[in-house]
Structure formats: C-alpha cells, structure tokens
Amino acid sequence: WPWERIYKVSVATETMAMARDLEDPTANRNGKMLDA
C-alpha cells in the first residue's frame, strides 16, 4: 500500500580486507595492513 515501504538487502557473501576502515580510507596504511 502507499503507506508501506519495502527495505531490501543483499544476503550474498561479501569479502573485505580486514585492514579496511570504512570511515577513514587512509587508516591502517590505506587499508592494506592492520597494526597489532
């Protein structure tokens, strides 16, 4: 109905580098290496 809204999400498996920072792309050596 017009007062209803549909939210769709993808449930496919995705891959991401563990050093990637979604808020700051330059962090962790530009997302290449994570320090510990």
PDB file of all heavy atoms in Angstrom:
ATOM      1  N   TRP A   1       0.833  -1.199   0.000  1.00  0.00           N
ATOM      2  CA  TRP A   1       0.000   0.000   0.000  1.00  0.00           C
ATOM      3  C   TRP A   1       0.870   1.253   0.000  1.00  0.00           C
ATOM      4  O   TRP A   1       2.064   1.187   0.332  1.00  0.00           O
ATOM      5  CB  TRP A   1      -0.929  -0.001   1.199  1.00  0.00           C
ATOM      6  CG  TRP A   1      -1.938  -1.110   1.176  1.00  0.00           C
ATOM      7  CD1 TRP A   1      -1.955  -2.239   1.928  1.00  0.00           C
ATOM      8  CD2 TRP A   1      -3.093  -1.178   0.329  1.00  0.00           C
ATOM      9  NE1 TRP A   1      -3.028  -3.030   1.623  1.00  0.00           N
ATOM     10  CE2 TRP A   1      -3.758  -2.387   0.628  1.00  0.00           C
ATOM     11  CE3 TRP A   1      -3.639  -0.350  -0.661  1.00  0.00           C
ATOM     12  CZ2 TRP A   1      -4.925  -2.794  -0.006  1.00  0.00           C
ATOM     13  CZ3 TRP A   1      -4.806  -0.754  -1.284  1.00  0.00           C
ATOM     14  CH2 TRP A   1      -5.435  -1.950  -0.962  1.00  0.00           C
ATOM     15  N   PRO A   2       0.288   2.359  -0.355  1.00  0.00           N
ATOM     16  CA  PRO A   2       1.089   3.593  -0.419  1.00  0.00           C
ATOM     17  C   PRO A   2       1.755   3.952   0.900  1.00  0.00           C
ATOM     18  O   PRO A   2       2.813   4.598   0.905  1.00  0.00           O
ATOM     19  CB  PRO A   2       0.066   4.656  -0.838  1.00  0.00           C
ATOM     20  CG  PRO A   2      -0.981   3.895  -1.584  1.00  0.00           C
ATOM     21  CD  PRO A   2      -1.065   2.571  -0.890  1.00  0.00           C
ATOM     22  N   TRP A   3       1.168   3.595   2.023  1.00  0.00           N
ATOM     23  CA  TRP A   3       1.755   3.937   3.322  1.00  0.00           C
ATOM     24  C   TRP A   3       2.769   2.888   3.797  1.00  0.00           C
ATOM     25  O   TRP A   3       3.288   2.987   4.900  1.00  0.00           O
ATOM     26  CB  TRP A   3       0.658   4.092   4.363  1.00  0.00           C
ATOM     27  CG  TRP A   3      -0.228   2.869   4.492  1.00  0.00           C
ATOM     28  CD1 TRP A   3      -0.031   1.770   5.237  1.00  0.00           C
ATOM     29  CD2 TRP A   3      -1.459   2.669   3.805  1.00  0.00           C
ATOM     30  NE1 TRP A   3      -1.033   0.874   5.069  1.00  0.00           N
ATOM     31  CE2 TRP A   3      -1.947   1.407   4.194  1.00  0.00           C
ATOM     32  CE3 TRP A   3      -2.219   3.437   2.889  1.00  0.00           C
ATOM     33  CZ2 TRP A   3      -3.140   0.878   3.713  1.00  0.00           C
ATOM     34  CZ3 TRP A   3      -3.401   2.898   2.423  1.00  0.00           C
ATOM     35  CH2 TRP A   3      -3.858   1.637   2.827  1.00  0.00           C
ATOM     36  N   GLU A   4       3.032   1.926   2.947  1.00  0.00           N
ATOM     37  CA  GLU A   4       4.005   0.909   3.295  1.00  0.00           C
ATOM     38  C   GLU A   4       5.290   1.128   2.493  1.00  0.00           C
ATOM     39  O   GLU A   4       5.268   1.679   1.392  1.00  0.00           O
ATOM     40  CB  GLU A   4       3.453  -0.499   2.993  1.00  0.00           C
ATOM     41  CG  GLU A   4       2.277  -0.871   3.875  1.00  0.00           C
ATOM     42  CD  GLU A   4       1.694  -2.229   3.526  1.00  0.00           C
ATOM     43  OE1 GLU A   4       1.840  -2.640   2.347  1.00  0.00           O
ATOM     44  OE2 GLU A   4       1.099  -2.870   4.413  1.00  0.00           O
ATOM     45  N   ARG A   5       6.399   0.661   3.095  1.00  0.00           N
ATOM     46  CA  ARG A   5       7.705   0.831   2.442  1.00  0.00           C
ATOM     47  C   ARG A   5       8.464  -0.490   2.517  1.00  0.00           C
ATOM     48  O   ARG A   5       8.359  -1.229   3.507  1.00  0.00           O
ATOM     49  CB  ARG A   5       8.516   1.932   3.127  1.00  0.00           C
ATOM     50  CG  ARG A   5       9.863   2.210   2.471  1.00  0.00           C
ATOM     51  CD  ARG A   5      10.584   3.345   3.168  1.00  0.00           C
ATOM     52  NE  ARG A   5      11.908   3.566   2.602  1.00  0.00           N
ATOM     53  CZ  ARG A   5      12.788   4.450   3.062  1.00  0.00           C
ATOM     54  NH1 ARG A   5      12.457   5.217   4.104  1.00  0.00           N
ATOM     55  NH2 ARG A   5      13.971   4.578   2.495  1.00  0.00           N
ATOM     56  N   ILE A   6       9.227  -0.778   1.462  1.00  0.00           N
ATOM     57  CA  ILE A   6       9.971  -2.026   1.373  1.00  0.00           C
ATOM     58  C   ILE A   6      11.466  -1.747   1.501  1.00  0.00           C
ATOM     59  O   ILE A   6      12.017  -0.893   0.790  1.00  0.00           O
ATOM     60  CB  ILE A   6       9.681  -2.753   0.045  1.00  0.00           C
ATOM     61  CG1 ILE A   6       8.185  -3.011  -0.109  1.00  0.00           C
ATOM     62  CG2 ILE A   6      10.459  -4.063  -0.017  1.00  0.00           C
ATOM     63  CD1 ILE A   6       7.572  -3.848   0.986  1.00  0.00           C
ATOM     64  N   TYR A   7      12.118  -2.468   2.401  1.00  0.00           N
ATOM     65  CA  TYR A   7      13.566  -2.392   2.583  1.00  0.00           C
ATOM     66  C   TYR A   7      14.176  -3.713   2.094  1.00  0.00           C
ATOM     67  O   TYR A   7      13.860  -4.776   2.623  1.00  0.00           O
ATOM     68  CB  TYR A   7      13.933  -2.166   4.052  1.00  0.00           C
ATOM     69  CG  TYR A   7      13.526  -0.821   4.589  1.00  0.00           C
ATOM     70  CD1 TYR A   7      12.232  -0.608   5.057  1.00  0.00           C
ATOM     71  CD2 TYR A   7      14.434   0.229   4.636  1.00  0.00           C
ATOM     72  CE1 TYR A   7      11.852   0.626   5.562  1.00  0.00           C
ATOM     73  CE2 TYR A   7      14.061   1.472   5.144  1.00  0.00           C
ATOM     74  CZ  TYR A   7      12.771   1.658   5.597  1.00  0.00           C
ATOM     75  OH  TYR A   7      12.399   2.889   6.096  1.00  0.00           O
ATOM     76  N   LYS A   8      15.026  -3.606   1.082  1.00  0.00           N
ATOM     77  CA  LYS A   8      15.679  -4.790   0.523  1.00  0.00           C
ATOM     78  C   LYS A   8      17.156  -4.792   0.903  1.00  0.00           C
ATOM     79  O   LYS A   8      17.810  -3.748   0.931  1.00  0.00           O
ATOM     80  CB  LYS A   8      15.550  -4.814  -1.002  1.00  0.00           C
ATOM     81  CG  LYS A   8      14.125  -4.883  -1.522  1.00  0.00           C
ATOM     82  CD  LYS A   8      14.125  -4.923  -3.035  1.00  0.00           C
ATOM     83  CE  LYS A   8      12.720  -4.936  -3.616  1.00  0.00           C
ATOM     84  NZ  LYS A   8      12.736  -4.984  -5.103  1.00  0.00           N
ATOM     85  N   VAL A   9      17.664  -5.971   1.192  1.00  0.00           N
ATOM     86  CA  VAL A   9      19.091  -6.139   1.488  1.00  0.00           C
ATOM     87  C   VAL A   9      19.590  -7.367   0.737  1.00  0.00           C
ATOM     88  O   VAL A   9      18.846  -8.321   0.504  1.00  0.00           O
ATOM     89  CB  VAL A   9      19.362  -6.295   3.000  1.00  0.00           C
ATOM     90  CG1 VAL A   9      18.981  -5.039   3.755  1.00  0.00           C
ATOM     91  CG2 VAL A   9      18.616  -7.498   3.559  1.00  0.00           C
ATOM     92  N   SER A  10      20.858  -7.345   0.373  1.00  0.00           N
ATOM     93  CA  SER A  10      21.502  -8.485  -0.271  1.00  0.00           C
ATOM     94  C   SER A  10      22.083  -9.400   0.803  1.00  0.00           C
ATOM     95  O   SER A  10      22.786  -8.935   1.714  1.00  0.00           O
ATOM     96  CB  SER A  10      22.610  -8.018  -1.219  1.00  0.00           C
ATOM     97  OG  SER A  10      23.340  -9.121  -1.717  1.00  0.00           O
ATOM     98  N   VAL A  11      21.797 -10.690   0.696  1.00  0.00           N
ATOM     99  CA  VAL A  11      22.327 -11.662   1.659  1.00  0.00           C
ATOM    100  C   VAL A  11      23.472 -12.477   1.051  1.00  0.00           C
ATOM    101  O   VAL A  11      23.870 -13.500   1.615  1.00  0.00           O
ATOM    102  CB  VAL A  11      21.205 -12.605   2.145  1.00  0.00           C
ATOM    103  CG1 VAL A  11      20.178 -11.845   2.947  1.00  0.00           C
ATOM    104  CG2 VAL A  11      20.556 -13.335   0.964  1.00  0.00           C
ATOM    105  N   ALA A  12      24.006 -12.024  -0.081  1.00  0.00           N
ATOM    106  CA  ALA A  12      25.147 -12.706  -0.692  1.00  0.00           C
ATOM    107  C   ALA A  12      26.397 -12.476   0.153  1.00  0.00           C
ATOM    108  O   ALA A  12      26.560 -11.432   0.796  1.00  0.00           O
ATOM    109  CB  ALA A  12      25.366 -12.203  -2.110  1.00  0.00           C
ATOM    110  N   THR A  13      27.293 -13.441   0.147  1.00  0.00           N
ATOM    111  CA  THR A  13      28.537 -13.335   0.910  1.00  0.00           C
ATOM    112  C   THR A  13      29.481 -12.358   0.230  1.00  0.00           C
ATOM    113  O   THR A  13      29.688 -12.417  -0.983  1.00  0.00           O
ATOM    114  CB  THR A  13      29.208 -14.720   1.028  1.00  0.00           C
ATOM    115  OG1 THR A  13      28.314 -15.618   1.697  1.00  0.00           O
ATOM    116  CG2 THR A  13      30.495 -14.622   1.822  1.00  0.00           C
ATOM    117  N   GLU A  14      30.042 -11.456   1.020  1.00  0.00           N
ATOM    118  CA  GLU A  14      30.976 -10.456   0.512  1.00  0.00           C
ATOM    119  C   GLU A  14      32.312 -10.604   1.217  1.00  0.00           C
ATOM    120  O   GLU A  14      32.398 -11.129   2.330  1.00  0.00           O
ATOM    121  CB  GLU A  14      30.406  -9.052   0.717  1.00  0.00           C
ATOM    122  CG  GLU A  14      29.096  -8.807  -0.024  1.00  0.00           C
ATOM    123  CD  GLU A  14      28.648  -7.360   0.060  1.00  0.00           C
ATOM    124  OE1 GLU A  14      29.529  -6.486   0.237  1.00  0.00           O
ATOM    125  OE2 GLU A  14      27.444  -7.094  -0.031  1.00  0.00           O
ATOM    126  N   THR A  15      33.355 -10.098   0.562  1.00  0.00           N
ATOM    127  CA  THR A  15      34.719 -10.179   1.091  1.00  0.00           C
ATOM    128  C   THR A  15      35.282  -8.772   1.244  1.00  0.00           C
ATOM    129  O   THR A  15      35.071  -7.909   0.393  1.00  0.00           O
ATOM    130  CB  THR A  15      35.622 -10.999   0.155  1.00  0.00           C
ATOM    131  OG1 THR A  15      35.055 -12.304  -0.024  1.00  0.00           O
ATOM    132  CG2 THR A  15      37.012 -11.149   0.743  1.00  0.00           C
ATOM    133  N   MET A  16      36.011  -8.584   2.355  1.00  0.00           N
ATOM    134  CA  MET A  16      36.604  -7.273   2.617  1.00  0.00           C
ATOM    135  C   MET A  16      37.946  -7.477   3.313  1.00  0.00           C
ATOM    136  O   MET A  16      38.110  -8.406   4.120  1.00  0.00           O
ATOM    137  CB  MET A  16      35.677  -6.439   3.512  1.00  0.00           C
ATOM    138  CG  MET A  16      36.213  -5.050   3.838  1.00  0.00           C
ATOM    139  SD  MET A  16      35.153  -4.184   5.033  1.00  0.00           S
ATOM    140  CE  MET A  16      33.599  -4.151   4.149  1.00  0.00           C
ATOM    141  N   ALA A  17      38.907  -6.618   2.977  1.00  0.00           N
ATOM    142  CA  ALA A  17      40.200  -6.657   3.658  1.00  0.00           C
ATOM    143  C   ALA A  17      40.005  -6.264   5.115  1.00  0.00           C
ATOM    144  O   ALA A  17      39.314  -5.296   5.424  1.00  0.00           O
ATOM    145  CB  ALA A  17      41.178  -5.712   2.978  1.00  0.00           C
ATOM    146  N   MET A  18      40.610  -7.024   6.022  1.00  0.00           N
ATOM    147  CA  MET A  18      40.406  -6.751   7.439  1.00  0.00           C
ATOM    148  C   MET A  18      41.022  -5.426   7.891  1.00  0.00           C
ATOM    149  O   MET A  18      40.652  -4.894   8.941  1.00  0.00           O
ATOM    150  CB  MET A  18      40.979  -7.898   8.279  1.00  0.00           C
ATOM    151  CG  MET A  18      42.472  -8.083   8.163  1.00  0.00           C
ATOM    152  SD  MET A  18      43.084  -9.359   9.298  1.00  0.00           S
ATOM    153  CE  MET A  18      42.114 -10.767   8.788  1.00  0.00           C
ATOM    154  N   ALA A  19      41.934  -4.883   7.087  1.00  0.00           N
ATOM    155  CA  ALA A  19      42.538  -3.594   7.450  1.00  0.00           C
ATOM    156  C   ALA A  19      41.747  -2.401   6.914  1.00  0.00           C
ATOM    157  O   ALA A  19      42.088  -1.255   7.195  1.00  0.00           O
ATOM    158  CB  ALA A  19      43.975  -3.529   6.932  1.00  0.00           C
ATOM    159  N   ARG A  20      40.698  -2.640   6.180  1.00  0.00           N
ATOM    160  CA  ARG A  20      39.929  -1.538   5.589  1.00  0.00           C
ATOM    161  C   ARG A  20      39.099  -0.823   6.649  1.00  0.00           C
ATOM    162  O   ARG A  20      38.420  -1.460   7.456  1.00  0.00           O
ATOM    163  CB  ARG A  20      39.018  -2.067   4.494  1.00  0.00           C
ATOM    164  CG  ARG A  20      38.197  -0.984   3.800  1.00  0.00           C
ATOM    165  CD  ARG A  20      37.309  -1.580   2.735  1.00  0.00           C
ATOM    166  NE  ARG A  20      36.455  -0.587   2.112  1.00  0.00           N
ATOM    167  CZ  ARG A  20      35.512  -0.855   1.220  1.00  0.00           C
ATOM    168  NH1 ARG A  20      35.329  -2.118   0.830  1.00  0.00           N
ATOM    169  NH2 ARG A  20      34.767   0.107   0.708  1.00  0.00           N
ATOM    170  N   ASP A  21      39.175   0.488   6.656  1.00  0.00           N
ATOM    171  CA  ASP A  21      38.386   1.320   7.554  1.00  0.00           C
ATOM    172  C   ASP A  21      37.357   2.062   6.712  1.00  0.00           C
ATOM    173  O   ASP A  21      37.703   2.913   5.890  1.00  0.00           O
ATOM    174  CB  ASP A  21      39.290   2.315   8.298  1.00  0.00           C
ATOM    175  CG  ASP A  21      38.568   3.016   9.440  1.00  0.00           C
ATOM    176  OD1 ASP A  21      37.349   3.278   9.303  1.00  0.00           O
ATOM    177  OD2 ASP A  21      39.206   3.299  10.470  1.00  0.00           O
ATOM    178  N   LEU A  22      36.081   1.760   6.895  1.00  0.00           N
ATOM    179  CA  LEU A  22      35.032   2.351   6.074  1.00  0.00           C
ATOM    180  C   LEU A  22      34.826   3.826   6.365  1.00  0.00           C
ATOM    181  O   LEU A  22      34.290   4.550   5.528  1.00  0.00           O
ATOM    182  CB  LEU A  22      33.715   1.598   6.304  1.00  0.00           C
ATOM    183  CG  LEU A  22      33.729   0.118   5.887  1.00  0.00           C
ATOM    184  CD1 LEU A  22      32.395  -0.540   6.218  1.00  0.00           C
ATOM    185  CD2 LEU A  22      34.053  -0.038   4.414  1.00  0.00           C
ATOM    186  N   GLU A  23      35.242   4.302   7.517  1.00  0.00           N
ATOM    187  CA  GLU A  23      35.088   5.711   7.865  1.00  0.00           C
ATOM    188  C   GLU A  23      36.295   6.549   7.479  1.00  0.00           C
ATOM    189  O   GLU A  23      36.167   7.749   7.240  1.00  0.00           O
ATOM    190  CB  GLU A  23      34.820   5.841   9.367  1.00  0.00           C
ATOM    191  CG  GLU A  23      33.506   5.212   9.803  1.00  0.00           C
ATOM    192  CD  GLU A  23      33.243   5.375  11.279  1.00  0.00           C
ATOM    193  OE1 GLU A  23      34.160   5.077  12.073  1.00  0.00           O
ATOM    194  OE2 GLU A  23      32.141   5.822  11.649  1.00  0.00           O
ATOM    195  N   ASP A  24      37.482   5.909   7.438  1.00  0.00           N
ATOM    196  CA  ASP A  24      38.699   6.632   7.078  1.00  0.00           C
ATOM    197  C   ASP A  24      39.524   5.751   6.145  1.00  0.00           C
ATOM    198  O   ASP A  24      40.277   4.883   6.602  1.00  0.00           O
ATOM    199  CB  ASP A  24      39.504   6.983   8.338  1.00  0.00           C
ATOM    200  CG  ASP A  24      40.740   7.838   8.010  1.00  0.00           C
ATOM    201  OD1 ASP A  24      40.901   8.229   6.828  1.00  0.00           O
ATOM    202  OD2 ASP A  24      41.525   8.113   8.938  1.00  0.00           O
ATOM    203  N   PRO A  25      39.399   5.923   4.830  1.00  0.00           N
ATOM    204  CA  PRO A  25      40.119   5.066   3.876  1.00  0.00           C
ATOM    205  C   PRO A  25      41.634   5.125   4.006  1.00  0.00           C
ATOM    206  O   PRO A  25      42.323   4.207   3.577  1.00  0.00           O
ATOM    207  CB  PRO A  25      39.663   5.581   2.505  1.00  0.00           C
ATOM    208  CG  PRO A  25      38.362   6.280   2.779  1.00  0.00           C
ATOM    209  CD  PRO A  25      38.507   6.868   4.145  1.00  0.00           C
ATOM    210  N   THR A  26      42.182   6.198   4.603  1.00  0.00           N
ATOM    211  CA  THR A  26      43.638   6.315   4.724  1.00  0.00           C
ATOM    212  C   THR A  26      44.183   5.604   5.960  1.00  0.00           C
ATOM    213  O   THR A  26      45.400   5.500   6.110  1.00  0.00           O
ATOM    214  CB  THR A  26      44.031   7.803   4.786  1.00  0.00           C
ATOM    215  OG1 THR A  26      43.436   8.412   5.951  1.00  0.00           O
ATOM    216  CG2 THR A  26      43.559   8.538   3.543  1.00  0.00           C
ATOM    217  N   ALA A  27      43.305   5.163   6.840  1.00  0.00           N
ATOM    218  CA  ALA A  27      43.761   4.489   8.063  1.00  0.00           C
ATOM    219  C   ALA A  27      44.329   3.116   7.731  1.00  0.00           C
ATOM    220  O   ALA A  27      44.064   2.551   6.658  1.00  0.00           O
ATOM    221  CB  ALA A  27      42.607   4.359   9.054  1.00  0.00           C
ATOM    222  N   ASN A  28      45.133   2.599   8.659  1.00  0.00           N
ATOM    223  CA  ASN A  28      45.735   1.261   8.510  1.00  0.00           C
ATOM    224  C   ASN A  28      46.515   1.148   7.202  1.00  0.00           C
ATOM    225  O   ASN A  28      46.353   0.192   6.440  1.00  0.00           O
ATOM    226  CB  ASN A  28      44.657   0.177   8.576  1.00  0.00           C
ATOM    227  CG  ASN A  28      43.888   0.188   9.872  1.00  0.00           C
ATOM    228  OD1 ASN A  28      44.429   0.501  10.924  1.00  0.00           O
ATOM    229  ND2 ASN A  28      42.614  -0.140   9.800  1.00  0.00           N
ATOM    230  N   ARG A  29      47.343   2.180   6.947  1.00  0.00           N
ATOM    231  CA  ARG A  29      48.214   2.206   5.760  1.00  0.00           C
ATOM    232  C   ARG A  29      47.373   2.070   4.493  1.00  0.00           C
ATOM    233  O   ARG A  29      47.607   1.211   3.646  1.00  0.00           O
ATOM    234  CB  ARG A  29      49.271   1.103   5.839  1.00  0.00           C
ATOM    235  CG  ARG A  29      50.064   1.091   7.138  1.00  0.00           C
ATOM    236  CD  ARG A  29      51.085  -0.013   7.160  1.00  0.00           C
ATOM    237  NE  ARG A  29      51.615  -0.227   8.501  1.00  0.00           N
ATOM    238  CZ  ARG A  29      52.517  -1.126   8.834  1.00  0.00           C
ATOM    239  NH1 ARG A  29      53.026  -1.920   7.875  1.00  0.00           N
ATOM    240  NH2 ARG A  29      52.926  -1.282  10.073  1.00  0.00           N
ATOM    241  N   ASN A  30      46.375   2.923   4.419  1.00  0.00           N
ATOM    242  CA  ASN A  30      45.438   2.936   3.285  1.00  0.00           C
ATOM    243  C   ASN A  30      44.684   1.620   3.138  1.00  0.00           C
ATOM    244  O   ASN A  30      44.377   1.181   2.018  1.00  0.00           O
ATOM    245  CB  ASN A  30      46.180   3.276   1.988  1.00  0.00           C
ATOM    246  CG  ASN A  30      46.749   4.680   2.006  1.00  0.00           C
ATOM    247  OD1 ASN A  30      46.124   5.621   2.509  1.00  0.00           O
ATOM    248  ND2 ASN A  30      47.955   4.844   1.468  1.00  0.00           N
ATOM    249  N   GLY A  31      44.362   1.017   4.271  1.00  0.00           N
ATOM    250  CA  GLY A  31      43.567  -0.206   4.271  1.00  0.00           C
ATOM    251  C   GLY A  31      44.316  -1.450   3.848  1.00  0.00           C
ATOM    252  O   GLY A  31      43.678  -2.452   3.505  1.00  0.00           O
ATOM    253  N   LYS A  32      45.656  -1.425   3.897  1.00  0.00           N
ATOM    254  CA  LYS A  32      46.442  -2.568   3.449  1.00  0.00           C
ATOM    255  C   LYS A  32      46.959  -3.437   4.595  1.00  0.00           C
ATOM    256  O   LYS A  32      47.145  -4.632   4.424  1.00  0.00           O
ATOM    257  CB  LYS A  32      47.628  -2.098   2.605  1.00  0.00           C
ATOM    258  CG  LYS A  32      47.225  -1.402   1.312  1.00  0.00           C
ATOM    259  CD  LYS A  32      48.434  -0.976   0.523  1.00  0.00           C
ATOM    260  CE  LYS A  32      48.025  -0.291  -0.789  1.00  0.00           C
ATOM    261  NZ  LYS A  32      49.215   0.147  -1.556  1.00  0.00           N
ATOM    262  N   MET A  33      47.211  -2.834   5.765  1.00  0.00           N
ATOM    263  CA  MET A  33      47.801  -3.600   6.863  1.00  0.00           C
ATOM    264  C   MET A  33      47.274  -3.080   8.189  1.00  0.00           C
ATOM    265  O   MET A  33      47.172  -1.867   8.411  1.00  0.00           O
ATOM    266  CB  MET A  33      49.333  -3.504   6.829  1.00  0.00           C
ATOM    267  CG  MET A  33      50.036  -4.371   7.865  1.00  0.00           C
ATOM    268  SD  MET A  33      51.818  -4.432   7.588  1.00  0.00           S
ATOM    269  CE  MET A  33      51.898  -5.306   6.029  1.00  0.00           C
ATOM    270  N   LEU A  34      46.927  -4.012   9.058  1.00  0.00           N
ATOM    271  CA  LEU A  34      46.383  -3.688  10.366  1.00  0.00           C
ATOM    272  C   LEU A  34      47.468  -3.884  11.411  1.00  0.00           C
ATOM    273  O   LEU A  34      48.118  -4.930  11.461  1.00  0.00           O
ATOM    274  CB  LEU A  34      45.181  -4.582  10.680  1.00  0.00           C
ATOM    275  CG  LEU A  34      44.456  -4.353  11.999  1.00  0.00           C
ATOM    276  CD1 LEU A  34      43.760  -3.005  12.005  1.00  0.00           C
ATOM    277  CD2 LEU A  34      43.453  -5.474  12.246  1.00  0.00           C
ATOM    278  N   ASP A  35      47.684  -2.877  12.252  1.00  0.00           N
ATOM    279  CA  ASP A  35      48.702  -2.955  13.292  1.00  0.00           C
ATOM    280  C   ASP A  35      48.144  -3.610  14.540  1.00  0.00           C
ATOM    281  O   ASP A  35      46.986  -3.401  14.920  1.00  0.00           O
ATOM    282  CB  ASP A  35      49.231  -1.560  13.639  1.00  0.00           C
ATOM    283  CG  ASP A  35      50.027  -0.949  12.494  1.00  0.00           C
ATOM    284  OD1 ASP A  35      50.662  -1.723  11.756  1.00  0.00           O
ATOM    285  OD2 ASP A  35      50.007   0.283  12.343  1.00  0.00           O
ATOM    286  N   ALA A  36      48.999  -4.419  15.186  1.00  0.00           N
ATOM    287  CA  ALA A  36      48.627  -5.064  16.446  1.00  0.00           C
ATOM    288  C   ALA A  36      49.891  -5.277  17.259  1.00  0.00           C
ATOM    289  O   ALA A  36      50.999  -5.375  16.715  1.00  0.00           O
ATOM    290  CB  ALA A  36      47.916  -6.392  16.204  1.00  0.00           C
TER     291      ALA A  36
END
